[in-house]
């Protein structure tokens, strides 16, 4: 109903995603850098400087030193244990996870997905869903806290048709929708009713 201005003078205002820790609503994060506009070589992409964190429900914010290389981000979320997941693009990092509030990060990019992450969604079932970009599309895991870059990810049996850009997910339990795009256009919407195994 009402909004209060907190700060117009952060070190970077290219906010790409905001996440709140469900175990402690006072803890919030926002990532910076445009991860969708041609990243890197394209002058339309605005570079970020990392991830900011607040421990007082958004009143004050500090840049996390461990995230200085996270200059292009696409999506960030927290699971029900307070772990952070961040999709990046254009910087060779892919999908990263922090289990210590952003102090350190581990690369957990699924094998075969590439380093440009399109979307990440966490289902109420606990399953983490990830889409990539540039014809490298979709994986999921039921163990997001322990999954690694090389093991623990599942590819679908029947995949949706890929595009050349990003794919956006909508998740409701084991029912998922995905919109892959090519040239900024969505040609079809795909649905899964078994948690992403078949589309």
N, C-alpha and C. Protein backbone atom coordinates (compact mmCIF):
# COMPACT_ATOMS: atom_id res chain seq x y z
N UNK A 1 0.82 -1.21 0.00
CA UNK A 1 0.00 0.00 0.00
C UNK A 1 0.86 1.26 0.00
N UNK A 2 1.93 1.23 0.75
CA UNK A 2 2.82 2.39 0.77
C UNK A 2 4.27 1.94 0.59
N UNK A 3 5.08 2.81 0.02
CA UNK A 3 6.49 2.51 -0.25
C UNK A 3 7.35 3.63 0.30
N UNK A 4 8.53 3.27 0.80
CA UNK A 4 9.46 4.24 1.34
C UNK A 4 10.77 4.17 0.58
N UNK A 5 11.25 5.30 0.09
CA UNK A 5 12.52 5.34 -0.61
C UNK A 5 13.65 5.03 0.37
N UNK A 6 14.51 4.08 0.01
CA UNK A 6 15.63 3.70 0.87
C UNK A 6 16.93 4.32 0.38
N UNK A 7 17.22 4.17 -0.91
CA UNK A 7 18.52 4.61 -1.40
C UNK A 7 18.49 4.73 -2.91
N UNK A 8 18.90 5.87 -3.44
CA UNK A 8 19.05 6.06 -4.88
C UNK A 8 20.51 6.05 -5.30
N UNK A 9 21.42 5.72 -4.38
CA UNK A 9 22.84 5.91 -4.65
C UNK A 9 23.68 4.68 -4.33
N UNK A 10 23.16 3.50 -4.68
CA UNK A 10 23.98 2.30 -4.56
C UNK A 10 25.14 2.38 -5.55
N UNK A 11 26.15 1.54 -5.34
CA UNK A 11 27.28 1.52 -6.27
C UNK A 11 26.87 1.09 -7.65
N UNK A 12 25.71 0.43 -7.80
CA UNK A 12 25.19 0.00 -9.08
C UNK A 12 23.68 -0.13 -8.95
N UNK A 13 22.94 0.41 -9.90
CA UNK A 13 21.48 0.39 -9.84
C UNK A 13 20.86 -0.54 -10.87
N UNK A 14 21.67 -1.38 -11.52
CA UNK A 14 21.15 -2.33 -12.51
C UNK A 14 20.69 -3.58 -11.76
N UNK A 15 19.58 -3.49 -11.07
CA UNK A 15 19.08 -4.61 -10.25
C UNK A 15 18.40 -5.63 -11.16
N UNK A 16 18.89 -6.87 -11.10
CA UNK A 16 18.36 -7.93 -11.97
C UNK A 16 17.45 -8.90 -11.22
N UNK A 17 17.63 -9.05 -9.92
CA UNK A 17 16.80 -9.99 -9.15
C UNK A 17 16.86 -9.61 -7.68
N UNK A 18 15.79 -9.94 -6.96
CA UNK A 18 15.71 -9.71 -5.52
C UNK A 18 15.25 -11.00 -4.87
N UNK A 19 15.85 -11.36 -3.74
CA UNK A 19 15.46 -12.57 -3.02
C UNK A 19 15.43 -12.29 -1.53
N UNK A 20 14.55 -12.99 -0.82
CA UNK A 20 14.42 -12.85 0.63
C UNK A 20 14.55 -14.23 1.27
N UNK A 21 15.29 -14.29 2.37
CA UNK A 21 15.51 -15.54 3.08
C UNK A 21 14.24 -15.92 3.84
N UNK A 22 13.58 -17.03 3.49
CA UNK A 22 12.33 -17.40 4.18
C UNK A 22 12.55 -17.80 5.64
N UNK A 23 13.79 -18.13 6.02
CA UNK A 23 14.06 -18.49 7.41
C UNK A 23 14.27 -17.26 8.28
N UNK A 24 14.55 -16.11 7.65
CA UNK A 24 14.77 -14.85 8.37
C UNK A 24 14.43 -13.71 7.42
N UNK A 25 13.21 -13.18 7.46
CA UNK A 25 12.78 -12.14 6.52
C UNK A 25 13.61 -10.85 6.59
N UNK A 26 14.41 -10.69 7.63
CA UNK A 26 15.29 -9.52 7.69
C UNK A 26 16.43 -9.60 6.69
N UNK A 27 16.73 -10.82 6.20
CA UNK A 27 17.84 -11.01 5.27
C UNK A 27 17.32 -10.99 3.84
N UNK A 28 17.87 -10.06 3.07
CA UNK A 28 17.47 -9.89 1.67
C UNK A 28 18.71 -9.72 0.81
N UNK A 29 18.56 -10.03 -0.48
CA UNK A 29 19.66 -9.90 -1.43
C UNK A 29 19.14 -9.27 -2.71
N UNK A 30 20.00 -8.54 -3.42
CA UNK A 30 19.70 -8.21 -4.80
C UNK A 30 20.96 -8.32 -5.63
N UNK A 31 20.78 -8.84 -6.85
CA UNK A 31 21.90 -9.02 -7.77
C UNK A 31 21.87 -7.90 -8.81
N UNK A 32 23.02 -7.67 -9.44
CA UNK A 32 23.12 -6.58 -10.41
C UNK A 32 23.67 -7.07 -11.74
N UNK A 33 23.39 -6.32 -12.79
CA UNK A 33 23.89 -6.61 -14.12
C UNK A 33 22.82 -7.24 -15.00
N UNK A 34 22.67 -6.73 -16.22
CA UNK A 34 21.67 -7.25 -17.15
C UNK A 34 22.17 -8.54 -17.79
N UNK A 35 21.52 -9.63 -17.48
CA UNK A 35 21.94 -10.92 -18.00
C UNK A 35 21.27 -11.32 -19.28
N UNK A 36 20.38 -10.47 -19.84
CA UNK A 36 19.60 -10.89 -21.01
C UNK A 36 19.85 -10.09 -22.27
N UNK A 37 20.60 -9.03 -22.22
CA UNK A 37 20.73 -8.15 -23.39
C UNK A 37 22.08 -8.33 -24.06
N UNK A 38 22.29 -9.44 -24.73
CA UNK A 38 23.49 -9.63 -25.50
C UNK A 38 24.78 -9.77 -24.71
N UNK A 39 24.72 -9.71 -23.45
CA UNK A 39 25.81 -9.84 -22.47
C UNK A 39 27.22 -9.72 -23.03
N UNK A 40 27.95 -8.80 -22.49
CA UNK A 40 29.38 -8.68 -22.78
C UNK A 40 29.68 -7.82 -23.99
N UNK A 41 29.67 -8.40 -25.18
CA UNK A 41 30.06 -7.67 -26.38
C UNK A 41 29.00 -6.66 -26.82
N UNK A 42 27.75 -6.91 -26.49
CA UNK A 42 26.67 -6.02 -26.89
C UNK A 42 26.65 -4.81 -25.97
N UNK A 43 26.79 -3.59 -26.55
CA UNK A 43 26.79 -2.41 -25.69
C UNK A 43 25.46 -2.15 -24.99
N UNK A 44 24.41 -2.90 -25.36
CA UNK A 44 23.13 -2.74 -24.67
C UNK A 44 23.10 -3.39 -23.31
N UNK A 45 24.08 -4.22 -23.00
CA UNK A 45 24.14 -4.89 -21.70
C UNK A 45 24.80 -3.98 -20.67
N UNK A 46 24.12 -3.75 -19.58
CA UNK A 46 24.69 -2.93 -18.51
C UNK A 46 25.31 -3.84 -17.46
N UNK A 47 26.55 -3.58 -17.13
CA UNK A 47 27.34 -4.42 -16.24
C UNK A 47 26.99 -4.13 -14.78
N UNK A 48 26.89 -5.20 -13.99
CA UNK A 48 26.70 -5.05 -12.55
C UNK A 48 28.02 -5.11 -11.81
N UNK A 49 27.93 -5.11 -10.49
CA UNK A 49 29.15 -5.19 -9.68
C UNK A 49 29.06 -6.29 -8.62
N UNK A 50 28.00 -7.10 -8.66
CA UNK A 50 27.87 -8.19 -7.71
C UNK A 50 26.52 -8.22 -7.02
N UNK A 51 26.51 -8.83 -5.83
CA UNK A 51 25.28 -9.02 -5.06
C UNK A 51 25.36 -8.20 -3.78
N UNK A 52 24.27 -7.50 -3.48
CA UNK A 52 24.15 -6.73 -2.25
C UNK A 52 23.31 -7.52 -1.25
N UNK A 53 23.59 -7.33 0.04
CA UNK A 53 22.87 -8.03 1.10
C UNK A 53 22.41 -7.05 2.17
N UNK A 54 21.20 -7.29 2.68
CA UNK A 54 20.68 -6.52 3.81
C UNK A 54 20.33 -7.49 4.94
N UNK A 55 20.64 -7.12 6.16
CA UNK A 55 20.26 -7.93 7.32
C UNK A 55 19.25 -7.21 8.21
N UNK A 56 18.74 -6.08 7.72
CA UNK A 56 17.75 -5.31 8.48
C UNK A 56 16.53 -5.00 7.64
N UNK A 57 16.05 -6.02 6.93
CA UNK A 57 14.87 -5.99 6.05
C UNK A 57 14.89 -4.85 5.02
N UNK A 58 16.07 -4.57 4.48
CA UNK A 58 16.17 -3.64 3.37
C UNK A 58 16.49 -2.20 3.72
N UNK A 59 16.78 -1.92 4.97
CA UNK A 59 17.12 -0.54 5.34
C UNK A 59 18.53 -0.18 4.88
N UNK A 60 19.49 -1.04 5.19
CA UNK A 60 20.87 -0.82 4.75
C UNK A 60 21.33 -2.02 3.94
N UNK A 61 22.25 -1.76 3.00
CA UNK A 61 22.74 -2.79 2.09
C UNK A 61 24.26 -2.72 1.98
N UNK A 62 24.88 -3.89 1.86
CA UNK A 62 26.32 -3.97 1.66
C UNK A 62 26.64 -4.92 0.52
N UNK A 63 27.62 -4.53 -0.29
CA UNK A 63 28.07 -5.38 -1.38
C UNK A 63 28.84 -6.57 -0.82
N UNK A 64 28.51 -7.78 -1.27
CA UNK A 64 29.22 -8.98 -0.83
C UNK A 64 30.53 -9.08 -1.62
N UNK A 65 31.69 -8.98 -0.96
CA UNK A 65 32.97 -9.03 -1.66
C UNK A 65 33.16 -10.29 -2.50
N UNK A 66 32.56 -11.39 -2.09
CA UNK A 66 32.72 -12.66 -2.80
C UNK A 66 32.04 -12.67 -4.16
N UNK A 67 31.27 -11.63 -4.49
CA UNK A 67 30.48 -11.62 -5.72
C UNK A 67 30.98 -10.62 -6.76
N UNK A 68 32.20 -10.14 -6.62
CA UNK A 68 32.69 -9.09 -7.52
C UNK A 68 32.75 -9.55 -8.98
N UNK A 69 32.82 -10.84 -9.23
CA UNK A 69 32.85 -11.34 -10.61
C UNK A 69 31.45 -11.65 -11.14
N UNK A 70 30.42 -11.48 -10.32
CA UNK A 70 29.04 -11.76 -10.75
C UNK A 70 28.46 -10.51 -11.40
N UNK A 71 28.96 -10.16 -12.59
CA UNK A 71 28.62 -8.87 -13.20
C UNK A 71 27.39 -8.90 -14.09
N UNK A 72 26.91 -10.10 -14.47
CA UNK A 72 25.68 -10.23 -15.24
C UNK A 72 24.85 -11.35 -14.60
N UNK A 73 23.69 -11.01 -14.07
CA UNK A 73 22.86 -11.98 -13.35
C UNK A 73 21.49 -12.07 -13.98
N UNK A 74 20.86 -13.24 -13.85
CA UNK A 74 19.54 -13.44 -14.43
C UNK A 74 18.45 -13.70 -13.40
N UNK A 75 18.74 -14.54 -12.42
CA UNK A 75 17.71 -14.89 -11.44
C UNK A 75 18.37 -15.31 -10.14
N UNK A 76 17.75 -14.97 -9.02
CA UNK A 76 18.27 -15.35 -7.70
C UNK A 76 17.10 -15.78 -6.83
N UNK A 77 17.32 -16.80 -6.00
CA UNK A 77 16.30 -17.22 -5.05
C UNK A 77 16.94 -17.85 -3.82
N UNK A 78 16.16 -17.95 -2.76
CA UNK A 78 16.58 -18.62 -1.52
C UNK A 78 15.67 -19.82 -1.29
N UNK A 79 16.25 -20.93 -0.80
CA UNK A 79 15.42 -22.08 -0.48
C UNK A 79 14.94 -22.00 0.97
N UNK A 80 14.22 -23.02 1.41
CA UNK A 80 13.63 -22.96 2.75
C UNK A 80 14.63 -23.21 3.87
N UNK A 81 15.92 -23.36 3.52
CA UNK A 81 16.98 -23.45 4.52
C UNK A 81 17.85 -22.19 4.51
N UNK A 82 17.50 -21.23 3.65
CA UNK A 82 18.24 -19.99 3.58
C UNK A 82 19.42 -20.00 2.62
N UNK A 83 19.61 -21.09 1.86
CA UNK A 83 20.68 -21.14 0.87
C UNK A 83 20.31 -20.28 -0.33
N UNK A 84 21.31 -19.72 -0.99
CA UNK A 84 21.09 -18.80 -2.10
C UNK A 84 21.52 -19.48 -3.41
N UNK A 85 20.72 -19.28 -4.45
CA UNK A 85 21.03 -19.76 -5.78
C UNK A 85 20.99 -18.58 -6.74
N UNK A 86 22.03 -18.46 -7.56
CA UNK A 86 22.13 -17.31 -8.47
C UNK A 86 22.50 -17.78 -9.86
N UNK A 87 21.68 -17.39 -10.84
CA UNK A 87 22.00 -17.65 -12.24
C UNK A 87 22.76 -16.47 -12.82
N UNK A 88 23.83 -16.77 -13.53
CA UNK A 88 24.62 -15.73 -14.16
C UNK A 88 24.71 -15.99 -15.66
N UNK A 89 25.18 -14.98 -16.39
CA UNK A 89 25.34 -15.11 -17.83
C UNK A 89 26.52 -14.26 -18.28
N UNK A 90 27.20 -14.72 -19.31
CA UNK A 90 28.24 -13.93 -19.91
C UNK A 90 29.54 -13.81 -19.15
N UNK A 91 29.65 -14.49 -18.01
CA UNK A 91 30.88 -14.39 -17.22
C UNK A 91 31.49 -15.76 -16.94
N UNK A 92 30.94 -16.81 -17.56
CA UNK A 92 31.51 -18.14 -17.44
C UNK A 92 31.26 -18.82 -16.11
N UNK A 93 30.30 -18.32 -15.33
CA UNK A 93 30.04 -18.88 -14.00
C UNK A 93 28.86 -19.82 -13.97
N UNK A 94 27.84 -19.57 -14.76
CA UNK A 94 26.66 -20.41 -14.78
C UNK A 94 25.83 -20.26 -13.52
N UNK A 95 25.49 -21.38 -12.89
CA UNK A 95 24.66 -21.40 -11.68
C UNK A 95 25.56 -21.59 -10.46
N UNK A 96 25.40 -20.70 -9.48
CA UNK A 96 26.21 -20.78 -8.26
C UNK A 96 25.30 -20.85 -7.04
N UNK A 97 25.85 -21.43 -5.95
CA UNK A 97 25.09 -21.60 -4.71
C UNK A 97 25.95 -21.15 -3.54
N UNK A 98 25.30 -20.52 -2.56
CA UNK A 98 25.97 -20.19 -1.30
C UNK A 98 25.17 -20.78 -0.16
N UNK A 99 25.87 -21.46 0.74
CA UNK A 99 25.22 -22.05 1.92
C UNK A 99 25.63 -21.30 3.19
N UNK A 100 26.35 -20.18 3.03
CA UNK A 100 26.81 -19.42 4.20
C UNK A 100 26.48 -17.93 4.09
N UNK A 101 25.32 -17.65 3.52
CA UNK A 101 24.85 -16.27 3.47
C UNK A 101 25.60 -15.38 2.50
N UNK A 102 26.24 -15.96 1.51
CA UNK A 102 26.92 -15.17 0.49
C UNK A 102 28.40 -14.95 0.74
N UNK A 103 28.95 -15.59 1.77
CA UNK A 103 30.39 -15.45 2.04
C UNK A 103 31.21 -16.20 1.00
N UNK A 104 30.78 -17.42 0.67
CA UNK A 104 31.45 -18.22 -0.36
C UNK A 104 30.40 -18.78 -1.31
N UNK A 105 30.87 -19.17 -2.52
CA UNK A 105 29.97 -19.67 -3.55
C UNK A 105 30.57 -20.91 -4.21
N UNK A 106 29.69 -21.84 -4.61
CA UNK A 106 30.10 -23.05 -5.31
C UNK A 106 29.39 -23.11 -6.65
N UNK A 107 30.13 -23.42 -7.71
CA UNK A 107 29.53 -23.58 -9.02
C UNK A 107 28.80 -24.92 -9.07
N UNK A 108 27.51 -24.89 -9.40
CA UNK A 108 26.71 -26.11 -9.49
C UNK A 108 26.03 -26.23 -10.85
N UNK A 109 26.61 -25.62 -11.87
CA UNK A 109 26.03 -25.64 -13.21
C UNK A 109 25.88 -27.08 -13.71
N UNK A 110 24.67 -27.46 -14.13
CA UNK A 110 24.49 -28.83 -14.65
C UNK A 110 25.35 -29.10 -15.87
N UNK A 111 25.91 -30.29 -15.96
CA UNK A 111 26.68 -30.71 -17.12
C UNK A 111 25.81 -30.62 -18.37
N UNK A 112 26.35 -30.02 -19.42
CA UNK A 112 25.63 -29.91 -20.67
C UNK A 112 24.73 -28.71 -20.78
N UNK A 113 24.61 -27.92 -19.72
CA UNK A 113 23.68 -26.78 -19.77
C UNK A 113 24.36 -25.51 -20.24
N UNK A 114 25.67 -25.39 -20.09
CA UNK A 114 26.36 -24.16 -20.48
C UNK A 114 26.40 -23.17 -19.34
N UNK A 115 27.16 -22.11 -19.54
CA UNK A 115 27.40 -21.15 -18.47
C UNK A 115 26.43 -19.99 -18.45
N UNK A 116 25.50 -19.95 -19.39
CA UNK A 116 24.51 -18.86 -19.42
C UNK A 116 23.17 -19.39 -18.93
N UNK A 117 22.80 -18.99 -17.73
CA UNK A 117 21.56 -19.46 -17.12
C UNK A 117 20.41 -18.53 -17.47
N UNK A 118 19.30 -19.12 -17.88
CA UNK A 118 18.12 -18.34 -18.23
C UNK A 118 17.21 -18.10 -17.04
N UNK A 119 16.75 -19.18 -16.42
CA UNK A 119 15.80 -19.06 -15.31
C UNK A 119 16.07 -20.18 -14.31
N UNK A 120 15.79 -19.91 -13.05
CA UNK A 120 15.81 -20.94 -12.00
C UNK A 120 14.54 -20.80 -11.18
N UNK A 121 13.94 -21.92 -10.86
CA UNK A 121 12.72 -21.94 -10.05
C UNK A 121 12.80 -23.09 -9.06
N UNK A 122 12.31 -22.87 -7.87
CA UNK A 122 12.27 -23.90 -6.84
C UNK A 122 10.82 -24.28 -6.60
N UNK A 123 10.50 -25.54 -6.83
CA UNK A 123 9.13 -26.02 -6.66
C UNK A 123 8.82 -26.25 -5.19
N UNK A 124 7.54 -26.29 -4.87
CA UNK A 124 7.11 -26.63 -3.51
C UNK A 124 7.50 -28.06 -3.14
N UNK A 125 7.83 -28.88 -4.14
CA UNK A 125 8.29 -30.25 -3.88
C UNK A 125 9.75 -30.28 -3.45
N UNK A 126 10.45 -29.15 -3.57
CA UNK A 126 11.87 -29.09 -3.24
C UNK A 126 12.76 -29.25 -4.46
N UNK A 127 12.17 -29.48 -5.61
CA UNK A 127 12.95 -29.67 -6.84
C UNK A 127 13.38 -28.31 -7.41
N UNK A 128 14.66 -28.22 -7.77
CA UNK A 128 15.20 -27.01 -8.39
C UNK A 128 15.25 -27.21 -9.89
N UNK A 129 14.63 -26.29 -10.63
CA UNK A 129 14.55 -26.35 -12.08
C UNK A 129 15.43 -25.25 -12.67
N UNK A 130 16.18 -25.59 -13.73
CA UNK A 130 17.11 -24.63 -14.34
C UNK A 130 16.98 -24.68 -15.86
N UNK A 131 16.89 -23.50 -16.47
CA UNK A 131 16.98 -23.43 -17.93
C UNK A 131 18.24 -22.66 -18.31
N UNK A 132 18.79 -23.05 -19.45
CA UNK A 132 19.96 -22.36 -19.97
C UNK A 132 19.58 -21.48 -21.14
N UNK A 133 20.58 -21.11 -21.93
CA UNK A 133 20.37 -20.28 -23.10
C UNK A 133 21.15 -20.87 -24.27
N UNK A 134 20.83 -20.40 -25.48
CA UNK A 134 21.54 -20.80 -26.69
C UNK A 134 21.49 -22.30 -26.92
N UNK A 135 20.28 -22.85 -26.96
CA UNK A 135 20.04 -24.27 -27.26
C UNK A 135 20.58 -25.23 -26.21
N UNK A 136 20.81 -24.76 -25.03
CA UNK A 136 21.21 -25.63 -23.92
C UNK A 136 20.17 -25.40 -22.83
N UNK A 137 19.21 -26.33 -22.70
CA UNK A 137 17.98 -25.88 -22.10
C UNK A 137 17.65 -26.24 -20.66
N UNK A 138 17.48 -27.46 -20.30
CA UNK A 138 16.77 -27.72 -19.04
C UNK A 138 17.34 -28.89 -18.27
N UNK A 139 17.45 -28.72 -16.94
CA UNK A 139 17.81 -29.79 -16.02
C UNK A 139 17.06 -29.55 -14.71
N UNK A 140 16.97 -30.60 -13.86
CA UNK A 140 16.42 -30.42 -12.52
C UNK A 140 17.14 -31.31 -11.52
N UNK A 141 17.00 -30.97 -10.25
CA UNK A 141 17.56 -31.79 -9.18
C UNK A 141 16.62 -31.78 -7.98
N UNK A 142 16.58 -32.90 -7.28
CA UNK A 142 15.80 -32.98 -6.04
C UNK A 142 16.67 -32.72 -4.81
N UNK A 143 17.95 -32.46 -5.03
CA UNK A 143 18.88 -32.20 -3.93
C UNK A 143 19.69 -30.93 -4.18
N UNK A 144 19.02 -29.78 -4.23
CA UNK A 144 19.74 -28.55 -4.56
C UNK A 144 20.82 -28.16 -3.56
N UNK A 145 20.71 -28.60 -2.31
CA UNK A 145 21.70 -28.22 -1.30
C UNK A 145 23.01 -28.97 -1.50
N UNK A 146 22.94 -30.19 -2.03
CA UNK A 146 24.16 -31.00 -2.16
C UNK A 146 24.58 -31.26 -3.60
N UNK A 147 23.77 -30.89 -4.59
CA UNK A 147 24.09 -31.16 -5.98
C UNK A 147 25.40 -30.46 -6.35
N UNK A 148 26.14 -31.06 -7.28
CA UNK A 148 27.39 -30.47 -7.75
C UNK A 148 27.30 -30.19 -9.25
N UNK A 149 28.34 -29.54 -9.76
CA UNK A 149 28.36 -29.23 -11.19
C UNK A 149 28.42 -30.49 -12.04
N UNK A 150 28.96 -31.56 -11.51
CA UNK A 150 29.12 -32.76 -12.31
C UNK A 150 28.14 -33.87 -12.04
N UNK A 151 27.39 -33.81 -10.94
CA UNK A 151 26.52 -34.94 -10.60
C UNK A 151 25.27 -34.47 -9.86
N UNK A 152 24.20 -35.27 -10.01
CA UNK A 152 22.98 -34.99 -9.27
C UNK A 152 21.89 -34.28 -10.06
N UNK A 153 22.16 -34.00 -11.33
CA UNK A 153 21.17 -33.33 -12.18
C UNK A 153 20.51 -34.34 -13.11
N UNK A 154 19.24 -34.08 -13.45
CA UNK A 154 18.49 -34.96 -14.33
C UNK A 154 18.04 -34.21 -15.57
N UNK A 155 18.24 -34.82 -16.73
CA UNK A 155 17.73 -34.28 -17.99
C UNK A 155 16.36 -34.88 -18.26
N UNK A 156 15.49 -34.17 -18.94
CA UNK A 156 14.16 -34.73 -19.21
C UNK A 156 14.23 -35.91 -20.19
N UNK A 157 13.24 -36.79 -20.08
CA UNK A 157 13.12 -37.90 -21.03
C UNK A 157 12.63 -37.36 -22.36
N UNK A 158 11.59 -36.55 -22.30
CA UNK A 158 11.05 -35.88 -23.48
C UNK A 158 11.18 -34.38 -23.24
N UNK A 159 12.05 -33.74 -24.01
CA UNK A 159 12.35 -32.32 -23.80
C UNK A 159 11.37 -31.44 -24.58
N UNK A 160 11.33 -30.16 -24.21
CA UNK A 160 10.61 -29.19 -25.03
C UNK A 160 11.55 -28.72 -26.14
N UNK A 161 10.98 -28.18 -27.21
CA UNK A 161 11.84 -27.71 -28.31
C UNK A 161 12.58 -26.47 -27.85
N UNK A 162 13.87 -26.42 -28.16
CA UNK A 162 14.68 -25.31 -27.70
C UNK A 162 14.56 -24.13 -28.64
N UNK A 163 15.02 -23.00 -28.15
CA UNK A 163 15.13 -21.80 -28.96
C UNK A 163 16.57 -21.37 -28.97
N UNK A 164 16.82 -20.15 -29.36
CA UNK A 164 18.19 -19.66 -29.42
C UNK A 164 18.48 -18.65 -28.33
N UNK A 165 17.47 -18.29 -27.53
CA UNK A 165 17.68 -17.32 -26.48
C UNK A 165 17.33 -17.92 -25.14
N UNK A 166 16.49 -17.27 -24.36
CA UNK A 166 16.23 -17.75 -23.02
C UNK A 166 14.90 -18.50 -22.95
N UNK A 167 14.70 -19.20 -21.83
CA UNK A 167 13.45 -19.91 -21.58
C UNK A 167 12.99 -19.57 -20.17
N UNK A 168 11.75 -19.11 -20.04
CA UNK A 168 11.18 -18.74 -18.75
C UNK A 168 10.29 -19.86 -18.23
N UNK A 169 10.42 -20.16 -16.94
CA UNK A 169 9.66 -21.23 -16.30
C UNK A 169 8.56 -20.69 -15.41
N UNK A 170 7.47 -21.43 -15.35
CA UNK A 170 6.42 -21.23 -14.36
C UNK A 170 6.23 -22.56 -13.65
N UNK A 171 6.27 -22.57 -12.32
CA UNK A 171 6.27 -23.83 -11.57
C UNK A 171 5.17 -23.82 -10.50
N UNK A 172 4.40 -24.91 -10.47
CA UNK A 172 3.38 -25.10 -9.45
C UNK A 172 3.39 -26.57 -9.06
N UNK A 173 4.20 -26.90 -8.05
CA UNK A 173 4.35 -28.30 -7.68
C UNK A 173 5.00 -29.08 -8.80
N UNK A 174 4.34 -30.14 -9.25
CA UNK A 174 4.86 -30.95 -10.35
C UNK A 174 4.36 -30.50 -11.72
N UNK A 175 3.58 -29.43 -11.74
CA UNK A 175 3.12 -28.87 -13.02
C UNK A 175 3.99 -27.68 -13.38
N UNK A 176 4.57 -27.74 -14.57
CA UNK A 176 5.48 -26.69 -15.03
C UNK A 176 5.07 -26.21 -16.41
N UNK A 177 5.38 -24.96 -16.68
CA UNK A 177 5.22 -24.37 -18.00
C UNK A 177 6.54 -23.73 -18.38
N UNK A 178 6.86 -23.75 -19.67
CA UNK A 178 8.09 -23.09 -20.13
C UNK A 178 7.81 -22.38 -21.45
N UNK A 179 8.42 -21.20 -21.58
CA UNK A 179 8.31 -20.42 -22.80
C UNK A 179 9.70 -20.19 -23.38
N UNK A 180 10.16 -21.03 -24.32
CA UNK A 180 11.44 -20.80 -24.97
C UNK A 180 11.29 -19.74 -26.07
N UNK A 181 12.31 -18.92 -26.24
CA UNK A 181 12.21 -17.85 -27.23
C UNK A 181 13.37 -17.89 -28.22
N UNK A 182 13.06 -17.42 -29.42
CA UNK A 182 14.05 -17.26 -30.48
C UNK A 182 13.82 -15.90 -31.11
N UNK A 183 14.87 -15.10 -31.17
CA UNK A 183 14.74 -13.77 -31.76
C UNK A 183 13.73 -12.90 -31.04
N UNK A 184 13.59 -13.12 -29.74
CA UNK A 184 12.65 -12.32 -28.96
C UNK A 184 11.20 -12.76 -29.10
N UNK A 185 10.96 -13.87 -29.81
CA UNK A 185 9.60 -14.36 -30.04
C UNK A 185 9.39 -15.73 -29.39
N UNK A 186 8.21 -15.94 -28.83
CA UNK A 186 7.82 -17.24 -28.26
C UNK A 186 6.90 -17.93 -29.26
N UNK A 187 7.32 -19.09 -29.75
CA UNK A 187 6.52 -19.79 -30.76
C UNK A 187 5.59 -20.82 -30.15
N UNK A 188 5.86 -21.25 -28.92
CA UNK A 188 5.02 -22.26 -28.28
C UNK A 188 5.21 -22.22 -26.78
N UNK A 189 4.19 -22.65 -26.05
CA UNK A 189 4.27 -22.83 -24.61
C UNK A 189 4.22 -24.33 -24.35
N UNK A 190 5.14 -24.82 -23.53
CA UNK A 190 5.23 -26.25 -23.23
C UNK A 190 4.82 -26.51 -21.78
N UNK A 191 4.27 -27.71 -21.53
CA UNK A 191 3.77 -28.05 -20.20
C UNK A 191 4.30 -29.41 -19.78
N UNK A 192 4.62 -29.55 -18.49
CA UNK A 192 4.96 -30.84 -17.91
C UNK A 192 4.08 -31.06 -16.69
N UNK A 193 3.58 -32.29 -16.52
CA UNK A 193 2.77 -32.61 -15.35
C UNK A 193 3.45 -33.63 -14.44
N UNK A 194 4.74 -33.94 -14.78
CA UNK A 194 5.48 -34.89 -13.95
C UNK A 194 6.80 -34.29 -13.45
N UNK A 195 6.75 -33.02 -13.12
CA UNK A 195 7.90 -32.37 -12.51
C UNK A 195 9.04 -32.06 -13.44
N UNK A 196 8.79 -32.05 -14.74
CA UNK A 196 9.82 -31.71 -15.71
C UNK A 196 10.46 -32.90 -16.41
N UNK A 197 9.99 -34.11 -16.11
CA UNK A 197 10.57 -35.28 -16.75
C UNK A 197 10.15 -35.40 -18.21
N UNK A 198 8.90 -35.06 -18.48
CA UNK A 198 8.37 -35.08 -19.86
C UNK A 198 7.62 -33.80 -20.14
N UNK A 199 7.80 -33.30 -21.37
CA UNK A 199 7.16 -32.03 -21.79
C UNK A 199 6.29 -32.26 -23.00
